[in-house]
Structures are given as structure tokens and as C-alpha cells.
C-alpha atoms as a PDB file:
ATOM      1  CA  UNK A   1       0.000   0.000   0.000  1.00  0.00           C
ATOM      2  CA  UNK A   2       1.387   3.412  -0.885  1.00  0.00           C
ATOM      3  CA  UNK A   3       1.936   6.163   1.665  1.00  0.00           C
ATOM      4  CA  UNK A   4      -0.855   8.217   0.070  1.00  0.00           C
ATOM      5  CA  UNK A   5      -3.377   5.375   0.299  1.00  0.00           C
ATOM      6  CA  UNK A   6      -2.437   4.634   3.909  1.00  0.00           C
ATOM      7  CA  UNK A   7      -2.735   8.318   4.762  1.00  0.00           C
ATOM      8  CA  UNK A   8      -6.177   8.478   3.113  1.00  0.00           C
ATOM      9  CA  UNK A   9      -7.320   5.365   4.966  1.00  0.00           C
ATOM     10  CA  UNK A  10      -6.128   6.832   8.267  1.00  0.00           C
ATOM     11  CA  UNK A  11      -7.842  10.127   7.481  1.00  0.00           C
ATOM     12  CA  UNK A  12     -11.095   8.338   6.662  1.00  0.00           C
ATOM     13  CA  UNK A  13     -10.855   6.297   9.862  1.00  0.00           C
ATOM     14  CA  UNK A  14     -10.203   9.433  11.918  1.00  0.00           C
ATOM     15  CA  UNK A  15     -13.238  11.186  10.394  1.00  0.00           C
ATOM     16  CA  UNK A  16     -15.406   8.142  11.107  1.00  0.00           C
ATOM     17  CA  UNK A  17     -14.288   8.123  14.735  1.00  0.00           C
ATOM     18  CA  UNK A  18     -15.039  11.851  15.038  1.00  0.00           C
ATOM     19  CA  UNK A  19     -18.472  11.371  13.464  1.00  0.00           C
ATOM     20  CA  UNK A  20     -19.219   8.431  15.747  1.00  0.00           C
ATOM     21  CA  UNK A  21     -18.197  10.401  18.843  1.00  0.00           C
ATOM     22  CA  UNK A  22     -20.330  13.361  17.747  1.00  0.00           C
ATOM     23  CA  UNK A  23     -23.299  11.065  17.103  1.00  0.00           C
ATOM     24  CA  UNK A  24     -22.906   9.449  20.508  1.00  0.00           C
ATOM     25  CA  UNK A  25     -22.769  12.844  22.223  1.00  0.00           C
ATOM     26  CA  UNK A  26     -25.912  13.975  20.387  1.00  0.00           C
ATOM     27  CA  UNK A  27     -27.740  10.753  21.271  1.00  0.00           C
ATOM     28  CA  UNK A  28     -26.723  10.967  24.935  1.00  0.00           C
ATOM     29  CA  UNK A  29     -28.019  14.540  25.140  1.00  0.00           C
ATOM     30  CA  UNK A  30     -31.290  13.615  23.472  1.00  0.00           C
ATOM     31  CA  UNK A  31     -31.949  10.455  25.475  1.00  0.00           C
ATOM     32  CA  UNK A  32     -31.183  11.747  28.954  1.00  0.00           C
ATOM     33  CA  UNK A  33     -32.685  10.141  32.042  1.00  0.00           C
ATOM     34  CA  UNK A  34     -33.466  11.366  35.534  1.00  0.00           C
ATOM     35  CA  UNK A  35     -30.235   9.701  36.653  1.00  0.00           C
ATOM     36  CA  UNK A  36     -28.283  12.033  34.337  1.00  0.00           C
ATOM     37  CA  UNK A  37     -29.882  15.234  35.574  1.00  0.00           C
ATOM     38  CA  UNK A  38     -29.597  17.457  38.550  1.00  0.00           C
ATOM     39  CA  UNK A  39     -32.030  17.486  41.498  1.00  0.00           C
ATOM     40  CA  UNK A  40     -35.376  19.151  40.811  1.00  0.00           C
ATOM     41  CA  UNK A  41     -35.744  22.734  41.919  1.00  0.00           C
ATOM     42  CA  UNK A  42     -38.717  23.842  44.011  1.00  0.00           C
ATOM     43  CA  UNK A  43     -40.077  25.636  40.944  1.00  0.00           C
ATOM     44  CA  UNK A  44     -39.850  22.478  38.831  1.00  0.00           C
ATOM     45  CA  UNK A  45     -41.597  20.462  41.549  1.00  0.00           C
ATOM     46  CA  UNK A  46     -44.445  22.983  41.653  1.00  0.00           C
ATOM     47  CA  UNK A  47     -44.774  23.013  37.862  1.00  0.00           C
ATOM     48  CA  UNK A  48     -44.952  19.203  37.780  1.00  0.00           C
ATOM     49  CA  UNK A  49     -47.602  19.215  40.525  1.00  0.00           C
ATOM     50  CA  UNK A  50     -49.679  21.783  38.635  1.00  0.00           C
ATOM     51  CA  UNK A  51     -49.428  19.851  35.383  1.00  0.00           C
ATOM     52  CA  UNK A  52     -50.317  16.630  37.221  1.00  0.00           C
ATOM     53  CA  UNK A  53     -53.468  18.222  38.630  1.00  0.00           C
ATOM     54  CA  UNK A  54     -54.553  19.346  35.164  1.00  0.00           C
ATOM     55  CA  UNK A  55     -53.748  16.000  33.547  1.00  0.00           C
ATOM     56  CA  UNK A  56     -55.641  14.060  36.231  1.00  0.00           C
ATOM     57  CA  UNK A  57     -58.614  16.416  35.917  1.00  0.00           C
ATOM     58  CA  UNK A  58     -58.744  16.030  32.161  1.00  0.00           C
ATOM     59  CA  UNK A  59     -58.304  12.257  32.419  1.00  0.00           C
ATOM     60  CA  UNK A  60     -61.221  12.058  34.851  1.00  0.00           C
ATOM     61  CA  UNK A  61     -63.340  14.162  32.494  1.00  0.00           C
ATOM     62  CA  UNK A  62     -62.486  11.879  29.574  1.00  0.00           C
ATOM     63  CA  UNK A  63     -63.339   8.808  31.678  1.00  0.00           C
ATOM     64  CA  UNK A  64     -66.712  10.332  32.607  1.00  0.00           C
ATOM     65  CA  UNK A  65     -67.784  11.819  29.280  1.00  0.00           C
ATOM     66  CA  UNK A  66     -66.242   9.730  26.517  1.00  0.00           C
ATOM     67  CA  UNK A  67     -67.866   6.342  25.900  1.00  0.00           C
ATOM     68  CA  UNK A  68     -65.619   3.332  26.532  1.00  0.00           C
ATOM     69  CA  UNK A  69     -63.760   2.175  23.465  1.00  0.00           C
ATOM     70  CA  UNK A  70     -60.819   2.767  21.250  1.00  0.00           C
ATOM     71  CA  UNK A  71     -61.167   6.560  21.068  1.00  0.00           C
ATOM     72  CA  UNK A  72     -61.305   6.979  24.843  1.00  0.00           C
ATOM     73  CA  UNK A  73     -58.287   4.726  25.164  1.00  0.00           C
ATOM     74  CA  UNK A  74     -56.401   6.727  22.543  1.00  0.00           C
ATOM     75  CA  UNK A  75     -57.374  10.007  24.236  1.00  0.00           C
ATOM     76  CA  UNK A  76     -55.983   8.764  27.560  1.00  0.00           C
ATOM     77  CA  UNK A  77     -52.831   7.464  25.886  1.00  0.00           C
ATOM     78  CA  UNK A  78     -52.334  10.837  24.213  1.00  0.00           C
ATOM     79  CA  UNK A  79     -52.748  12.491  27.592  1.00  0.00           C
ATOM     80  CA  UNK A  80     -50.028  10.231  29.016  1.00  0.00           C
ATOM     81  CA  UNK A  81     -47.793  11.380  26.166  1.00  0.00           C
ATOM     82  CA  UNK A  82     -48.613  15.029  26.905  1.00  0.00           C
ATOM     83  CA  UNK A  83     -47.635  14.577  30.545  1.00  0.00           C
ATOM     84  CA  UNK A  84     -44.431  12.732  29.689  1.00  0.00           C
ATOM     85  CA  UNK A  85     -43.350  15.331  27.147  1.00  0.00           C
ATOM     86  CA  UNK A  86     -44.181  18.240  29.439  1.00  0.00           C
ATOM     87  CA  UNK A  87     -42.126  16.667  32.235  1.00  0.00           C
ATOM     88  CA  UNK A  88     -39.317  15.948  29.817  1.00  0.00           C
ATOM     89  CA  UNK A  89     -39.382  19.588  28.742  1.00  0.00           C
ATOM     90  CA  UNK A  90     -39.198  20.750  32.343  1.00  0.00           C
ATOM     91  CA  UNK A  91     -36.148  18.626  33.127  1.00  0.00           C
ATOM     92  CA  UNK A  92     -34.373  18.715  29.770  1.00  0.00           C
ATOM     93  CA  UNK A  93     -30.859  20.088  29.785  1.00  0.00           C
ATOM     94  CA  UNK A  94     -30.989  23.731  28.701  1.00  0.00           C
ATOM     95  CA  UNK A  95     -29.054  23.061  25.487  1.00  0.00           C
ATOM     96  CA  UNK A  96     -31.802  20.758  24.122  1.00  0.00           C
ATOM     97  CA  UNK A  97     -34.937  22.190  25.714  1.00  0.00           C
END
């Protein structure tokens, strides 16, 4: 193998390693967990409590007013998603919020 080919192969390998490291860093930031974060502030705790009250109230209203079936189930599942995403937004690192 010539010096030029070996140098190109090494350059390609180095770029792949850089791209892999960047991809891993991006993925780690996006898929954070509570274990990765800092303790909740009092403000965050209050926001979560307020959201929880609203979500529970809406869920109870859906249970009472929407006939049992697929659409009620989907409405409640969507509400679970709303709560999860709101909480995720509250605790997301500031660089990805």
C-alpha cells in the first residue's frame, strides 16, 4: 500500500471516529434520564404538581364523558404522552430544551 493510500485510509478512519463520537454525544443529550440530571428545583416540583393536577382532571373528564372504546383509550394514551413530554421539557438540559 502506498503512503498516500495509507494516509487516506487513516484520514477516513479518523473522520469516522469523530463522526461516531459526535453522534454518541448527540444521542446521549437527546436520550437523557433522571439519573443524568440534577435534582429538581422547588419551581420544577411545583410546575410538575400543577401539570399533574390538570392531567388528572382532564383524564377524569375523559373517563366520565367519553364512551368506553378505542377513542377513549387513545385520548388517555395521548394524555399520558402530553404529561411525559411536558415533564421531559421541564427537566431537559438547557441546550436541548
